[in-house]
Amino acid sequence: MIIKFSLNGKNTSLDTDPMKRLLDILRENYNLLSVKESCGEGECGACTVLLNGLPVTSCLINIIQVDGGSVITAEGISETSLGKLIAASFTETNAVQCGFCFPGFLVTTYHYLQHDPDCDENKIKNALSGNICRCTGYQKIIEAVQLACRKLADQEHKHEDV
């Protein structure tokens, strides 16, 4: 079956089994290695992507569900100014250790900042709750998102002053 969708802002199509997982398609057909399999059950967030603007675990999505839609991975997000701001905030707060979970946190944080860039710790915890990090105690990750919130607010204030 031919599946057509937008991937990181570019239209694409492929002939594949409609029941193949999005995770496998992204890794095997498009070499997008930020999408990682860890649990395979949608519990850890390592395979998180944006599907039609919403964060989803790609291990639970069949490619047929993507037909006509839009997928954005960490690779696509990392090219945006907001993605770069998030990555810099994670680096600045030393929130990344082994890096395995970072793409999922990047995607989820990107979605959060686009829709509710509030520095409130409880809101951030709720937004990130689908992502598991096995290295940290999460405090540095929360600090990174809060820093990104503040940087984003500073940027918006600068644009208002112009």
N, C-alpha and C. Protein backbone atom coordinates (compact mmCIF):
# COMPACT_ATOMS: atom_id res chain seq x y z
N MET A 1 0.85 -1.17 0.00
CA MET A 1 0.00 0.00 0.00
C MET A 1 0.90 1.24 0.00
N ILE A 2 0.52 2.24 -0.77
CA ILE A 2 1.28 3.49 -0.81
C ILE A 2 0.76 4.43 0.28
N ILE A 3 1.68 4.85 1.12
CA ILE A 3 1.38 5.77 2.22
C ILE A 3 2.04 7.11 1.90
N LYS A 4 1.26 8.18 1.95
CA LYS A 4 1.78 9.53 1.69
C LYS A 4 1.65 10.34 2.97
N PHE A 5 2.72 11.07 3.30
CA PHE A 5 2.70 11.92 4.48
C PHE A 5 3.82 12.94 4.40
N SER A 6 3.76 13.92 5.27
CA SER A 6 4.82 14.90 5.40
C SER A 6 5.75 14.44 6.52
N LEU A 7 7.04 14.44 6.24
CA LEU A 7 8.03 14.03 7.22
C LEU A 7 9.03 15.17 7.40
N ASN A 8 9.03 15.75 8.57
CA ASN A 8 9.91 16.88 8.87
C ASN A 8 9.78 17.98 7.82
N GLY A 9 8.54 18.23 7.41
CA GLY A 9 8.24 19.32 6.50
C GLY A 9 8.37 19.00 5.02
N LYS A 10 8.71 17.76 4.68
CA LYS A 10 8.86 17.38 3.27
C LYS A 10 7.88 16.25 2.95
N ASN A 11 7.20 16.39 1.83
CA ASN A 11 6.26 15.35 1.41
C ASN A 11 7.02 14.11 0.99
N THR A 12 6.49 12.97 1.37
CA THR A 12 7.12 11.70 1.03
C THR A 12 6.04 10.65 0.84
N SER A 13 6.41 9.55 0.23
CA SER A 13 5.49 8.40 0.10
C SER A 13 6.33 7.13 0.03
N LEU A 14 5.72 6.04 0.44
CA LEU A 14 6.39 4.76 0.32
C LEU A 14 5.36 3.66 0.22
N ASP A 15 5.78 2.60 -0.44
CA ASP A 15 4.94 1.42 -0.62
C ASP A 15 5.35 0.43 0.47
N THR A 16 4.45 0.16 1.40
CA THR A 16 4.81 -0.68 2.54
C THR A 16 3.58 -1.39 3.11
N ASP A 17 3.83 -2.30 3.98
CA ASP A 17 2.78 -2.97 4.73
C ASP A 17 2.10 -1.93 5.62
N PRO A 18 0.79 -1.71 5.49
CA PRO A 18 0.12 -0.67 6.26
C PRO A 18 0.13 -0.90 7.78
N MET A 19 0.44 -2.11 8.20
CA MET A 19 0.47 -2.40 9.63
C MET A 19 1.86 -2.28 10.24
N LYS A 20 2.86 -1.93 9.42
CA LYS A 20 4.20 -1.74 9.95
C LYS A 20 4.22 -0.55 10.89
N ARG A 21 4.99 -0.64 11.96
CA ARG A 21 5.05 0.43 12.95
C ARG A 21 5.77 1.66 12.39
N LEU A 22 5.27 2.82 12.77
CA LEU A 22 5.91 4.07 12.39
C LEU A 22 7.36 4.10 12.85
N LEU A 23 7.62 3.63 14.04
CA LEU A 23 8.98 3.56 14.57
C LEU A 23 9.92 2.86 13.60
N ASP A 24 9.52 1.70 13.11
CA ASP A 24 10.36 0.92 12.20
C ASP A 24 10.54 1.62 10.86
N ILE A 25 9.47 2.21 10.35
CA ILE A 25 9.54 2.94 9.08
C ILE A 25 10.54 4.09 9.19
N LEU A 26 10.44 4.87 10.27
CA LEU A 26 11.32 6.03 10.43
C LEU A 26 12.78 5.61 10.52
N ARG A 27 13.06 4.55 11.24
CA ARG A 27 14.44 4.09 11.41
C ARG A 27 14.96 3.39 10.16
N GLU A 28 14.18 2.46 9.62
CA GLU A 28 14.66 1.60 8.53
C GLU A 28 14.56 2.26 7.15
N ASN A 29 13.49 2.99 6.90
CA ASN A 29 13.29 3.57 5.57
C ASN A 29 13.84 4.98 5.44
N TYR A 30 13.90 5.72 6.55
CA TYR A 30 14.34 7.11 6.49
C TYR A 30 15.60 7.39 7.30
N ASN A 31 16.15 6.37 7.95
CA ASN A 31 17.38 6.48 8.72
C ASN A 31 17.31 7.59 9.78
N LEU A 32 16.15 7.76 10.39
CA LEU A 32 15.95 8.74 11.46
C LEU A 32 16.16 8.03 12.79
N LEU A 33 17.38 8.11 13.27
CA LEU A 33 17.78 7.30 14.42
C LEU A 33 17.50 7.93 15.77
N SER A 34 16.96 9.15 15.78
CA SER A 34 16.56 9.74 17.07
C SER A 34 15.37 8.99 17.65
N VAL A 35 14.61 8.35 16.79
CA VAL A 35 13.43 7.58 17.20
C VAL A 35 13.93 6.22 17.67
N LYS A 36 13.92 6.02 18.96
CA LYS A 36 14.52 4.82 19.54
C LYS A 36 13.48 3.88 20.12
N GLU A 37 13.77 2.60 20.01
CA GLU A 37 12.90 1.62 20.69
C GLU A 37 13.55 1.23 22.00
N SER A 38 12.76 1.36 23.05
CA SER A 38 13.22 0.92 24.36
C SER A 38 12.23 -0.10 24.90
N CYS A 39 11.01 0.34 25.20
CA CYS A 39 10.03 -0.57 25.80
C CYS A 39 9.15 -1.25 24.75
N GLY A 40 8.89 -0.58 23.64
CA GLY A 40 8.01 -1.15 22.61
C GLY A 40 6.55 -1.20 23.03
N GLU A 41 6.22 -0.53 24.13
CA GLU A 41 4.85 -0.56 24.65
C GLU A 41 4.26 0.83 24.90
N GLY A 42 4.93 1.88 24.41
CA GLY A 42 4.42 3.23 24.57
C GLY A 42 4.57 3.80 25.97
N GLU A 43 5.43 3.22 26.78
CA GLU A 43 5.56 3.64 28.17
C GLU A 43 6.75 4.55 28.45
N CYS A 44 7.81 4.49 27.62
CA CYS A 44 9.05 5.17 27.99
C CYS A 44 9.27 6.51 27.29
N GLY A 45 8.67 6.72 26.13
CA GLY A 45 8.81 7.99 25.42
C GLY A 45 10.03 8.09 24.52
N ALA A 46 10.86 7.06 24.45
CA ALA A 46 12.08 7.13 23.64
C ALA A 46 11.79 7.24 22.15
N CYS A 47 10.61 6.87 21.73
CA CYS A 47 10.26 6.90 20.30
C CYS A 47 9.26 8.01 19.98
N THR A 48 9.15 9.00 20.84
CA THR A 48 8.16 10.05 20.67
C THR A 48 8.43 10.90 19.43
N VAL A 49 7.37 11.14 18.67
CA VAL A 49 7.38 12.04 17.52
C VAL A 49 6.10 12.88 17.60
N LEU A 50 6.05 13.92 16.79
CA LEU A 50 4.79 14.67 16.65
C LEU A 50 4.05 14.12 15.45
N LEU A 51 2.83 13.67 15.67
CA LEU A 51 1.96 13.20 14.60
C LEU A 51 0.80 14.16 14.53
N ASN A 52 0.71 14.86 13.43
CA ASN A 52 -0.32 15.89 13.26
C ASN A 52 -0.31 16.88 14.42
N GLY A 53 0.91 17.20 14.88
CA GLY A 53 1.09 18.21 15.92
C GLY A 53 1.03 17.71 17.34
N LEU A 54 0.72 16.44 17.54
CA LEU A 54 0.60 15.89 18.90
C LEU A 54 1.70 14.87 19.18
N PRO A 55 2.26 14.89 20.39
CA PRO A 55 3.27 13.88 20.72
C PRO A 55 2.65 12.50 20.85
N VAL A 56 3.25 11.53 20.15
CA VAL A 56 2.80 10.14 20.21
C VAL A 56 4.02 9.23 20.29
N THR A 57 3.82 8.06 20.84
CA THR A 57 4.89 7.06 20.84
C THR A 57 4.76 6.26 19.55
N SER A 58 5.77 6.38 18.72
CA SER A 58 5.71 5.79 17.38
C SER A 58 5.72 4.27 17.37
N CYS A 59 6.07 3.65 18.50
CA CYS A 59 6.03 2.19 18.58
C CYS A 59 4.60 1.66 18.60
N LEU A 60 3.63 2.54 18.89
CA LEU A 60 2.22 2.12 18.95
C LEU A 60 1.41 2.57 17.75
N ILE A 61 2.06 3.23 16.78
CA ILE A 61 1.36 3.77 15.62
C ILE A 61 1.67 2.91 14.39
N ASN A 62 0.64 2.43 13.73
CA ASN A 62 0.83 1.74 12.46
C ASN A 62 0.92 2.79 11.37
N ILE A 63 1.73 2.55 10.35
CA ILE A 63 1.99 3.54 9.32
C ILE A 63 0.69 3.96 8.61
N ILE A 64 -0.30 3.11 8.53
CA ILE A 64 -1.57 3.48 7.90
C ILE A 64 -2.21 4.67 8.61
N GLN A 65 -1.97 4.80 9.91
CA GLN A 65 -2.53 5.91 10.69
C GLN A 65 -1.89 7.25 10.33
N VAL A 66 -0.77 7.20 9.63
CA VAL A 66 -0.02 8.39 9.26
C VAL A 66 -0.42 8.90 7.87
N ASP A 67 -1.07 8.05 7.08
CA ASP A 67 -1.41 8.39 5.70
C ASP A 67 -2.14 9.73 5.63
N GLY A 68 -1.58 10.66 4.86
CA GLY A 68 -2.16 11.99 4.72
C GLY A 68 -1.81 12.95 5.83
N GLY A 69 -1.03 12.50 6.79
CA GLY A 69 -0.71 13.32 7.95
C GLY A 69 0.68 13.91 7.92
N SER A 70 1.10 14.35 9.08
CA SER A 70 2.39 15.00 9.22
C SER A 70 3.13 14.41 10.41
N VAL A 71 4.41 14.06 10.19
CA VAL A 71 5.26 13.54 11.25
C VAL A 71 6.47 14.45 11.39
N ILE A 72 6.78 14.83 12.62
CA ILE A 72 7.99 15.60 12.90
C ILE A 72 8.77 14.84 13.96
N THR A 73 10.04 14.59 13.65
CA THR A 73 10.92 13.88 14.57
C THR A 73 11.87 14.87 15.24
N ALA A 74 12.68 14.37 16.16
CA ALA A 74 13.68 15.21 16.81
C ALA A 74 14.63 15.82 15.78
N GLU A 75 14.92 15.10 14.70
CA GLU A 75 15.80 15.66 13.67
C GLU A 75 15.18 16.92 13.07
N GLY A 76 13.88 16.88 12.80
CA GLY A 76 13.20 18.05 12.26
C GLY A 76 13.14 19.19 13.25
N ILE A 77 12.87 18.86 14.49
CA ILE A 77 12.78 19.89 15.54
C ILE A 77 14.13 20.53 15.79
N SER A 78 15.19 19.74 15.73
CA SER A 78 16.52 20.27 16.04
C SER A 78 16.97 21.32 15.03
N GLU A 79 16.33 21.39 13.88
CA GLU A 79 16.67 22.39 12.87
C GLU A 79 15.95 23.72 13.10
N THR A 80 14.98 23.75 14.00
CA THR A 80 14.21 24.98 14.25
C THR A 80 14.88 25.82 15.33
N SER A 81 14.54 27.10 15.37
CA SER A 81 15.12 27.96 16.40
C SER A 81 14.66 27.52 17.79
N LEU A 82 13.40 27.09 17.92
CA LEU A 82 12.92 26.62 19.21
C LEU A 82 13.63 25.33 19.61
N GLY A 83 13.84 24.43 18.67
CA GLY A 83 14.57 23.20 18.96
C GLY A 83 15.99 23.48 19.44
N LYS A 84 16.64 24.44 18.80
CA LYS A 84 18.00 24.82 19.21
C LYS A 84 18.00 25.44 20.60
N LEU A 85 16.98 26.25 20.90
CA LEU A 85 16.86 26.86 22.22
C LEU A 85 16.69 25.77 23.29
N ILE A 86 15.86 24.77 22.99
CA ILE A 86 15.64 23.68 23.95
C ILE A 86 16.93 22.90 24.16
N ALA A 87 17.61 22.53 23.08
CA ALA A 87 18.86 21.78 23.20
C ALA A 87 19.89 22.56 24.01
N ALA A 88 19.99 23.86 23.76
CA ALA A 88 20.94 24.69 24.52
C ALA A 88 20.57 24.72 26.00
N SER A 89 19.29 24.77 26.30
CA SER A 89 18.84 24.79 27.70
C SER A 89 19.16 23.47 28.40
N PHE A 90 18.99 22.35 27.70
CA PHE A 90 19.34 21.05 28.28
C PHE A 90 20.85 20.97 28.52
N THR A 91 21.63 21.49 27.59
CA THR A 91 23.08 21.48 27.74
C THR A 91 23.51 22.38 28.89
N GLU A 92 22.93 23.56 28.95
CA GLU A 92 23.30 24.54 29.97
C GLU A 92 23.02 24.05 31.38
N THR A 93 21.97 23.27 31.55
CA THR A 93 21.62 22.76 32.89
C THR A 93 22.17 21.36 33.15
N ASN A 94 22.94 20.84 32.21
CA ASN A 94 23.48 19.47 32.32
C ASN A 94 22.38 18.44 32.52
N ALA A 95 21.30 18.60 31.79
CA ALA A 95 20.14 17.72 31.94
C ALA A 95 20.27 16.41 31.17
N VAL A 96 21.26 16.31 30.30
CA VAL A 96 21.42 15.10 29.49
C VAL A 96 22.66 14.35 29.97
N GLN A 97 22.48 13.07 30.24
CA GLN A 97 23.64 12.26 30.61
C GLN A 97 23.97 11.31 29.47
N CYS A 98 23.32 10.17 29.38
CA CYS A 98 23.67 9.23 28.30
C CYS A 98 23.10 9.68 26.95
N GLY A 99 22.00 10.44 26.96
CA GLY A 99 21.43 10.96 25.73
C GLY A 99 20.35 10.10 25.08
N PHE A 100 20.15 8.88 25.55
CA PHE A 100 19.18 7.98 24.93
C PHE A 100 17.77 8.56 24.95
N CYS A 101 17.38 9.17 26.05
CA CYS A 101 16.02 9.68 26.21
C CYS A 101 15.84 11.08 25.64
N PHE A 102 16.95 11.77 25.34
CA PHE A 102 16.85 13.18 24.97
C PHE A 102 15.94 13.46 23.78
N PRO A 103 15.98 12.68 22.69
CA PRO A 103 15.08 13.01 21.58
C PRO A 103 13.61 13.03 21.98
N GLY A 104 13.19 12.11 22.82
CA GLY A 104 11.81 12.11 23.29
C GLY A 104 11.49 13.33 24.13
N PHE A 105 12.42 13.71 25.00
CA PHE A 105 12.23 14.92 25.80
C PHE A 105 12.23 16.17 24.91
N LEU A 106 13.07 16.18 23.88
CA LEU A 106 13.10 17.31 22.96
C LEU A 106 11.76 17.49 22.27
N VAL A 107 11.21 16.40 21.74
CA VAL A 107 9.92 16.46 21.05
C VAL A 107 8.82 16.90 22.01
N THR A 108 8.78 16.32 23.18
CA THR A 108 7.74 16.64 24.16
C THR A 108 7.87 18.08 24.66
N THR A 109 9.08 18.52 24.92
CA THR A 109 9.31 19.89 25.37
C THR A 109 8.93 20.88 24.28
N TYR A 110 9.26 20.57 23.05
CA TYR A 110 8.90 21.41 21.90
C TYR A 110 7.38 21.60 21.85
N HIS A 111 6.65 20.51 21.96
CA HIS A 111 5.18 20.59 21.95
C HIS A 111 4.69 21.44 23.12
N TYR A 112 5.25 21.19 24.30
CA TYR A 112 4.85 21.94 25.50
C TYR A 112 5.07 23.44 25.30
N LEU A 113 6.24 23.82 24.84
CA LEU A 113 6.57 25.23 24.69
C LEU A 113 5.74 25.90 23.60
N GLN A 114 5.33 25.15 22.60
CA GLN A 114 4.47 25.70 21.56
C GLN A 114 3.06 25.98 22.07
N HIS A 115 2.61 25.18 23.04
CA HIS A 115 1.21 25.27 23.46
C HIS A 115 0.98 25.86 24.85
N ASP A 116 1.96 25.76 25.75
CA ASP A 116 1.77 26.28 27.11
C ASP A 116 3.13 26.56 27.73
N PRO A 117 3.82 27.59 27.24
CA PRO A 117 5.19 27.84 27.73
C PRO A 117 5.23 28.42 29.14
N ASP A 118 4.66 27.69 30.07
CA ASP A 118 4.59 28.11 31.47
C ASP A 118 5.73 27.44 32.23
N CYS A 119 6.41 28.19 33.08
CA CYS A 119 7.53 27.67 33.85
C CYS A 119 7.11 26.89 35.09
N ASP A 120 5.82 26.71 35.30
CA ASP A 120 5.31 26.01 36.48
C ASP A 120 5.80 24.56 36.50
N GLU A 121 6.44 24.19 37.58
CA GLU A 121 7.03 22.86 37.71
C GLU A 121 6.00 21.74 37.55
N ASN A 122 4.83 21.89 38.13
CA ASN A 122 3.82 20.84 38.03
C ASN A 122 3.31 20.67 36.60
N LYS A 123 3.15 21.77 35.88
CA LYS A 123 2.72 21.68 34.48
C LYS A 123 3.79 20.99 33.63
N ILE A 124 5.04 21.30 33.90
CA ILE A 124 6.14 20.68 33.17
C ILE A 124 6.19 19.18 33.48
N LYS A 125 6.08 18.83 34.75
CA LYS A 125 6.08 17.40 35.12
C LYS A 125 4.95 16.66 34.41
N ASN A 126 3.79 17.27 34.37
CA ASN A 126 2.65 16.65 33.69
C ASN A 126 2.93 16.48 32.20
N ALA A 127 3.48 17.51 31.58
CA ALA A 127 3.76 17.46 30.14
C ALA A 127 4.80 16.40 29.80
N LEU A 128 5.78 16.22 30.67
CA LEU A 128 6.87 15.28 30.41
C LEU A 128 6.60 13.88 30.96
N SER A 129 5.45 13.67 31.54
CA SER A 129 5.19 12.42 32.27
C SER A 129 5.29 11.15 31.42
N GLY A 130 5.21 11.25 30.12
CA GLY A 130 5.32 10.06 29.27
C GLY A 130 6.74 9.72 28.90
N ASN A 131 7.71 10.44 29.44
CA ASN A 131 9.12 10.20 29.11
C ASN A 131 9.87 9.70 30.33
N ILE A 132 10.65 8.66 30.12
CA ILE A 132 11.44 8.08 31.21
C ILE A 132 12.92 8.32 30.94
N CYS A 133 13.63 8.75 31.98
CA CYS A 133 15.09 8.88 31.93
C CYS A 133 15.64 7.94 32.99
N ARG A 134 16.56 7.11 32.59
CA ARG A 134 17.11 6.14 33.53
C ARG A 134 18.37 6.65 34.23
N CYS A 135 18.86 7.83 33.83
CA CYS A 135 20.12 8.34 34.38
C CYS A 135 19.95 9.42 35.45
N THR A 136 18.95 10.28 35.27
CA THR A 136 18.85 11.45 36.15
C THR A 136 17.72 11.30 37.15
N GLY A 137 17.64 12.26 38.04
CA GLY A 137 16.53 12.33 38.98
C GLY A 137 15.46 13.27 38.49
N TYR A 138 15.51 13.66 37.24
CA TYR A 138 14.54 14.53 36.56
C TYR A 138 14.64 16.00 36.94
N GLN A 139 15.27 16.35 38.04
CA GLN A 139 15.30 17.75 38.44
C GLN A 139 16.01 18.61 37.40
N LYS A 140 17.12 18.13 36.87
CA LYS A 140 17.86 18.89 35.85
C LYS A 140 17.02 19.03 34.58
N ILE A 141 16.24 18.02 34.25
CA ILE A 141 15.38 18.08 33.07
C ILE A 141 14.31 19.14 33.27
N ILE A 142 13.70 19.17 34.44
CA ILE A 142 12.69 20.19 34.73
C ILE A 142 13.33 21.57 34.69
N GLU A 143 14.54 21.70 35.24
CA GLU A 143 15.25 22.98 35.20
C GLU A 143 15.53 23.39 33.75
N ALA A 144 15.85 22.44 32.89
CA ALA A 144 16.12 22.74 31.49
C ALA A 144 14.87 23.28 30.80
N VAL A 145 13.73 22.68 31.07
CA VAL A 145 12.47 23.15 30.47
C VAL A 145 12.12 24.53 31.02
N GLN A 146 12.32 24.73 32.30
CA GLN A 146 12.06 26.05 32.88
C GLN A 146 12.97 27.11 32.27
N LEU A 147 14.23 26.77 32.05
CA LEU A 147 15.17 27.70 31.42
C LEU A 147 14.71 28.00 30.00
N ALA A 148 14.30 26.98 29.27
CA ALA A 148 13.80 27.20 27.91
C ALA A 148 12.56 28.10 27.93
N CYS A 149 11.69 27.92 28.91
CA CYS A 149 10.51 28.78 29.06
C CYS A 149 10.93 30.24 29.24
N ARG A 150 11.89 30.45 30.12
CA ARG A 150 12.36 31.82 30.38
C ARG A 150 13.02 32.42 29.14
N LYS A 151 13.85 31.63 28.46
CA LYS A 151 14.50 32.13 27.24
C LYS A 151 13.47 32.47 26.17
N LEU A 152 12.47 31.65 26.04
CA LEU A 152 11.41 31.89 25.06
C LEU A 152 10.66 33.17 25.41
N ALA A 153 10.35 33.35 26.68
CA ALA A 153 9.65 34.57 27.12
C ALA A 153 10.52 35.80 26.87
N ASP A 154 11.83 35.68 27.12
CA ASP A 154 12.74 36.81 26.86
C ASP A 154 12.74 37.18 25.38
N GLN A 155 12.75 36.16 24.52
CA GLN A 155 12.74 36.41 23.08
C GLN A 155 11.46 37.11 22.67
N GLU A 156 10.34 36.67 23.21
CA GLU A 156 9.07 37.27 22.86
C GLU A 156 8.99 38.71 23.34
N HIS A 157 9.55 38.99 24.52
CA HIS A 157 9.57 40.37 25.04
C HIS A 157 10.43 41.28 24.15
N LYS A 158 11.55 40.75 23.68
CA LYS A 158 12.42 41.53 22.79
C LYS A 158 11.70 41.88 21.50
N HIS A 159 10.92 40.94 20.95
CA HIS A 159 10.18 41.20 19.72
C HIS A 159 9.07 42.22 19.95
N GLU A 160 8.49 42.22 21.16
CA GLU A 160 7.44 43.19 21.48
C GLU A 160 8.00 44.60 21.59
N ASP A 161 9.26 44.72 22.03
CA ASP A 161 9.89 46.02 22.21
C ASP A 161 10.30 46.67 20.90
N VAL A 162 10.37 45.88 19.84
CA VAL A 162 10.82 46.41 18.54
C VAL A 162 9.73 47.17 17.86
